[in-house]
Amino acid sequence: MENRIVIYQIFNGETTPLPERTPQEKIEIACVERVGGVYFTTAKELEEYVEKTRNEKYLRKQKMRAYRENCGLLIDEAATLLGISKTYLVKIENGEKDPTLELALKIAKFYKTTDDELFS
């Protein structure tokens, strides 16, 4: 009996197993496939990635909230001063959206910190 490895893909929040391919097909299209999403060879890798992502989002939320509250601002006040919508700032704080590089630098400067500190 042949050992079978199922490769999972997460794309736009959806987790799906990829169709089986021959070894040659896998080699030929490996680079192309990786452009669109994150791939895993085991369910454990997938679970670890999901947990890591969840932790990163939680830490970002805690950091951004702490910086904002340290400035004595409510989220709608910070959004107004940054020139973005409250909804967008909430999504950035919650890790649901990534700001553009320009906006990340603007937010970091606004909170008197670095973008690395705030978003990593």
C-alpha atoms as a PDB file:
ATOM      1  CA  MET A   1       0.000   0.000   0.000  1.00  0.00           C
ATOM      2  CA  GLU A   2       1.316   3.422  -0.973  1.00  0.00           C
ATOM      3  CA  ASN A   3       1.734   6.138   1.645  1.00  0.00           C
ATOM      4  CA  ARG A   4      -0.488   9.043   0.750  1.00  0.00           C
ATOM      5  CA  ILE A   5       0.229  12.619   1.736  1.00  0.00           C
ATOM      6  CA  VAL A   6      -2.589  15.129   1.572  1.00  0.00           C
ATOM      7  CA  ILE A   7      -1.540  18.698   0.965  1.00  0.00           C
ATOM      8  CA  TYR A   8      -3.820  21.380   2.348  1.00  0.00           C
ATOM      9  CA  GLN A   9      -4.221  24.933   1.126  1.00  0.00           C
ATOM     10  CA  ILE A  10      -5.474  27.990   3.003  1.00  0.00           C
ATOM     11  CA  PHE A  11      -6.670  30.706   0.681  1.00  0.00           C
ATOM     12  CA  ASN A  12      -9.000  33.549   1.633  1.00  0.00           C
ATOM     13  CA  GLY A  13      -9.728  31.832   4.943  1.00  0.00           C
ATOM     14  CA  GLU A  14     -10.814  28.553   3.292  1.00  0.00           C
ATOM     15  CA  THR A  15      -8.958  25.301   4.008  1.00  0.00           C
ATOM     16  CA  THR A  16      -9.103  22.724   1.240  1.00  0.00           C
ATOM     17  CA  PRO A  17      -7.128  19.623   0.310  1.00  0.00           C
ATOM     18  CA  LEU A  18      -5.388  19.917  -3.046  1.00  0.00           C
ATOM     19  CA  PRO A  19      -6.037  17.323  -5.760  1.00  0.00           C
ATOM     20  CA  GLU A  20      -3.539  14.479  -6.031  1.00  0.00           C
ATOM     21  CA  ARG A  21      -0.825  14.907  -8.642  1.00  0.00           C
ATOM     22  CA  THR A  22       1.963  12.754  -9.982  1.00  0.00           C
ATOM     23  CA  PRO A  23       5.462  13.493  -8.664  1.00  0.00           C
ATOM     24  CA  GLN A  24       6.383  15.065 -12.016  1.00  0.00           C
ATOM     25  CA  GLU A  25       3.308  17.325 -11.973  1.00  0.00           C
ATOM     26  CA  LYS A  26       4.159  18.393  -8.435  1.00  0.00           C
ATOM     27  CA  ILE A  27       7.670  19.389  -9.503  1.00  0.00           C
ATOM     28  CA  GLU A  28       6.486  21.254 -12.592  1.00  0.00           C
ATOM     29  CA  ILE A  29       3.848  23.380 -10.888  1.00  0.00           C
ATOM     30  CA  ALA A  30       5.203  23.762  -7.349  1.00  0.00           C
ATOM     31  CA  CYS A  31       6.400  27.326  -7.842  1.00  0.00           C
ATOM     32  CA  VAL A  32       3.232  28.444  -9.592  1.00  0.00           C
ATOM     33  CA  GLU A  33       0.931  26.989  -6.915  1.00  0.00           C
ATOM     34  CA  ARG A  34       2.704  28.652  -4.020  1.00  0.00           C
ATOM     35  CA  VAL A  35       1.973  32.123  -5.327  1.00  0.00           C
ATOM     36  CA  GLY A  36      -1.738  31.972  -4.450  1.00  0.00           C
ATOM     37  CA  GLY A  37      -1.764  30.719  -0.882  1.00  0.00           C
ATOM     38  CA  VAL A  38      -0.070  28.895   1.975  1.00  0.00           C
ATOM     39  CA  TYR A  39       0.419  25.136   1.635  1.00  0.00           C
ATOM     40  CA  PHE A  40       0.855  22.394   4.236  1.00  0.00           C
ATOM     41  CA  THR A  41       1.779  18.733   3.989  1.00  0.00           C
ATOM     42  CA  THR A  42       0.219  17.621   7.273  1.00  0.00           C
ATOM     43  CA  ALA A  43      -2.793  18.494   9.344  1.00  0.00           C
ATOM     44  CA  LYS A  44      -0.392  19.255  12.213  1.00  0.00           C
ATOM     45  CA  GLU A  45       1.418  21.892  10.111  1.00  0.00           C
ATOM     46  CA  LEU A  46      -1.948  23.403   9.290  1.00  0.00           C
ATOM     47  CA  GLU A  47      -3.003  23.489  12.959  1.00  0.00           C
ATOM     48  CA  GLU A  48       0.324  25.058  13.975  1.00  0.00           C
ATOM     49  CA  TYR A  49      -0.043  27.726  11.291  1.00  0.00           C
ATOM     50  CA  VAL A  50      -3.608  28.530  12.350  1.00  0.00           C
ATOM     51  CA  GLU A  51      -2.555  28.795  16.003  1.00  0.00           C
ATOM     52  CA  LYS A  52       0.452  30.987  15.123  1.00  0.00           C
ATOM     53  CA  THR A  53      -1.747  33.259  13.005  1.00  0.00           C
ATOM     54  CA  ARG A  54      -4.317  33.497  15.790  1.00  0.00           C
ATOM     55  CA  ASN A  55      -1.591  34.435  18.283  1.00  0.00           C
ATOM     56  CA  GLU A  56      -0.089  37.034  15.925  1.00  0.00           C
ATOM     57  CA  LYS A  57      -3.475  38.676  15.403  1.00  0.00           C
ATOM     58  CA  TYR A  58      -4.099  38.722  19.157  1.00  0.00           C
ATOM     59  CA  LEU A  59      -0.685  40.300  19.825  1.00  0.00           C
ATOM     60  CA  ARG A  60      -1.196  42.922  17.113  1.00  0.00           C
ATOM     61  CA  LYS A  61      -4.571  43.810  18.581  1.00  0.00           C
ATOM     62  CA  GLN A  62      -3.096  44.124  22.073  1.00  0.00           C
ATOM     63  CA  LYS A  63      -0.138  46.228  20.883  1.00  0.00           C
ATOM     64  CA  MET A  64      -2.158  48.615  18.728  1.00  0.00           C
ATOM     65  CA  ARG A  65      -4.815  49.026  21.381  1.00  0.00           C
ATOM     66  CA  ALA A  66      -2.180  49.721  24.044  1.00  0.00           C
ATOM     67  CA  TYR A  67      -0.494  52.377  21.894  1.00  0.00           C
ATOM     68  CA  ARG A  68      -3.847  53.993  21.062  1.00  0.00           C
ATOM     69  CA  GLU A  69      -5.017  53.996  24.688  1.00  0.00           C
ATOM     70  CA  ASN A  70      -1.626  55.306  25.805  1.00  0.00           C
ATOM     71  CA  CYS A  71      -2.361  58.331  23.605  1.00  0.00           C
ATOM     72  CA  GLY A  72      -5.739  58.644  25.343  1.00  0.00           C
ATOM     73  CA  LEU A  73      -7.680  58.036  22.143  1.00  0.00           C
ATOM     74  CA  LEU A  74     -10.826  56.108  21.341  1.00  0.00           C
ATOM     75  CA  ILE A  75     -10.695  54.134  18.119  1.00  0.00           C
ATOM     76  CA  ASP A  76     -12.929  56.570  16.234  1.00  0.00           C
ATOM     77  CA  GLU A  77     -10.737  59.505  17.339  1.00  0.00           C
ATOM     78  CA  ALA A  78      -7.566  57.739  16.189  1.00  0.00           C
ATOM     79  CA  ALA A  79      -9.166  56.845  12.858  1.00  0.00           C
ATOM     80  CA  THR A  80     -10.217  60.457  12.271  1.00  0.00           C
ATOM     81  CA  LEU A  81      -6.728  61.756  13.072  1.00  0.00           C
ATOM     82  CA  LEU A  82      -5.172  59.135  10.774  1.00  0.00           C
ATOM     83  CA  GLY A  83      -7.600  60.010   7.985  1.00  0.00           C
ATOM     84  CA  ILE A  84      -9.120  56.531   7.698  1.00  0.00           C
ATOM     85  CA  SER A  85     -12.467  55.045   8.624  1.00  0.00           C
ATOM     86  CA  LYS A  86     -13.113  53.588  12.053  1.00  0.00           C
ATOM     87  CA  THR A  87     -14.090  50.286  10.403  1.00  0.00           C
ATOM     88  CA  TYR A  88     -10.768  50.077   8.579  1.00  0.00           C
ATOM     89  CA  LEU A  89      -8.773  50.833  11.729  1.00  0.00           C
ATOM     90  CA  VAL A  90     -10.725  48.188  13.654  1.00  0.00           C
ATOM     91  CA  LYS A  91      -9.894  45.641  10.938  1.00  0.00           C
ATOM     92  CA  ILE A  92      -6.215  46.612  11.045  1.00  0.00           C
ATOM     93  CA  GLU A  93      -6.137  46.342  14.842  1.00  0.00           C
ATOM     94  CA  ASN A  94      -7.893  42.960  14.722  1.00  0.00           C
ATOM     95  CA  GLY A  95      -5.464  41.631  12.107  1.00  0.00           C
ATOM     96  CA  GLU A  96      -8.238  41.219   9.544  1.00  0.00           C
ATOM     97  CA  LYS A  97      -6.609  43.720   7.148  1.00  0.00           C
ATOM     98  CA  ASP A  98      -3.013  44.665   6.556  1.00  0.00           C
ATOM     99  CA  PRO A  99      -2.369  48.355   5.994  1.00  0.00           C
ATOM    100  CA  THR A 100      -0.374  49.559   3.029  1.00  0.00           C
ATOM    101  CA  LEU A 101       3.269  50.256   3.792  1.00  0.00           C
ATOM    102  CA  GLU A 102       2.539  53.972   3.648  1.00  0.00           C
ATOM    103  CA  LEU A 103      -0.314  53.659   6.151  1.00  0.00           C
ATOM    104  CA  ALA A 104       1.692  51.330   8.431  1.00  0.00           C
ATOM    105  CA  LEU A 105       4.457  53.939   8.582  1.00  0.00           C
ATOM    106  CA  LYS A 106       1.907  56.685   9.218  1.00  0.00           C
ATOM    107  CA  ILE A 107       0.279  54.727  12.068  1.00  0.00           C
ATOM    108  CA  ALA A 108       3.671  53.925  13.612  1.00  0.00           C
ATOM    109  CA  LYS A 109       4.742  57.579  13.413  1.00  0.00           C
ATOM    110  CA  PHE A 110       1.384  58.639  14.864  1.00  0.00           C
ATOM    111  CA  TYR A 111       1.922  56.333  17.867  1.00  0.00           C
ATOM    112  CA  LYS A 112       5.614  57.363  18.089  1.00  0.00           C
ATOM    113  CA  THR A 113       6.959  53.865  17.477  1.00  0.00           C
ATOM    114  CA  THR A 114       8.285  51.822  14.562  1.00  0.00           C
ATOM    115  CA  ASP A 115       6.282  49.794  12.077  1.00  0.00           C
ATOM    116  CA  ASP A 116       8.321  46.713  13.075  1.00  0.00           C
ATOM    117  CA  GLU A 117       7.292  47.126  16.706  1.00  0.00           C
ATOM    118  CA  LEU A 118       3.652  47.672  15.860  1.00  0.00           C
ATOM    119  CA  PHE A 119       3.080  45.127  13.089  1.00  0.00           C
ATOM    120  CA  SER A 120       5.490  42.267  13.805  1.00  0.00           C
END
